[in-house]
Amino acid sequence: MSVFTHLVAELGRLLEPVLAQSATAAAIVLFTVLVRLALHPLSRAAFRGATPAAGCLPILLQLPVFFVMYQAFSSAEVGGKANELLGHRLFAAPLGARWTEALGEGGPFGAQGLVFLGLFGAIAAVAAWSAVRGRRTAASVAAAAAAAAVDPKKPAGRVAPKGGAKAGTKAGATSGAGVGVMAEVSAEQQEVMRKLGGVLPLLSFGTLITAAVVPLAAGLYLLTTTAWSVAERAWLQYRKERAERLTGGGERSSL
């Protein structure tokens, strides 16, 4: 943890001539951006669905960083010395302060309370953006599943059955039954995706609860990494759709 506090303190000193007392807060944002840049190849692989574990790795690898961030702004001492980060602020609020402490220093509209309200507002805006995109993605996936269920063109229909007309009749009956099963499964999948599409995007607002109980510095980390995740996915989706338009949808895009 002492390495982390030293790194953030040094970044804060570099930014101090420009940002004054809020330099350390900006250093936390910059540090988070550097972490997400390092994890971008994994996020890109997760978007492409390269490996099942790829989608979990970016989240799992951030947990130690978040834990260190939490401890760094919760501990009075680091390495046997007084924690210098606790004296730094974002405007009027100490980076080690929590929302409950800010409420005791002038209420929700006091100098510190307003800083937290600004943080919560920014997190809510990012969560709303994520929810809207999540609903659109779920709707498009459900529409694609519905289109595939009613598509009469099946790859298996192009293969001539062995065994003459009798076998062909049997294969046709089997194919018809398979289409019916696929349509039934697709309908079930559509219902599941519709329900998940209405619930999962709302989980983005859970970040608000976390930000309300952790130090302000950890809340800044949550805001930055969440905003990065939503923007990164939007950018990857844009590149994928643009590549598909350029290739006419005939080739898989390279992200």
Foldseek 3Di string as FASTA:
>chain_A
DVVVLVQLVVQLVVCCVPVPLCSSLVSLLVVLVVLVVVLVVLVLCVLVPVDPCSVVVSVVVCVVVLVVLQCLLQDQDDPNHGRPQQPGDDFPHGQSDFLVVVCVVPHCPDRHNVVLVVLLVLLVVLLVLQLVVLLVVLVVVLVVLQCVLPDPDDPVVVDDDPDPDVRVVVVVVVVVVVSVVSNVVSVVVSVVSNVCSVPVSVCSSVLSVVRNGTGNSSSSSSSSNSNCSSVSSVVSVVQQVVQCVVVVVPDGDDD
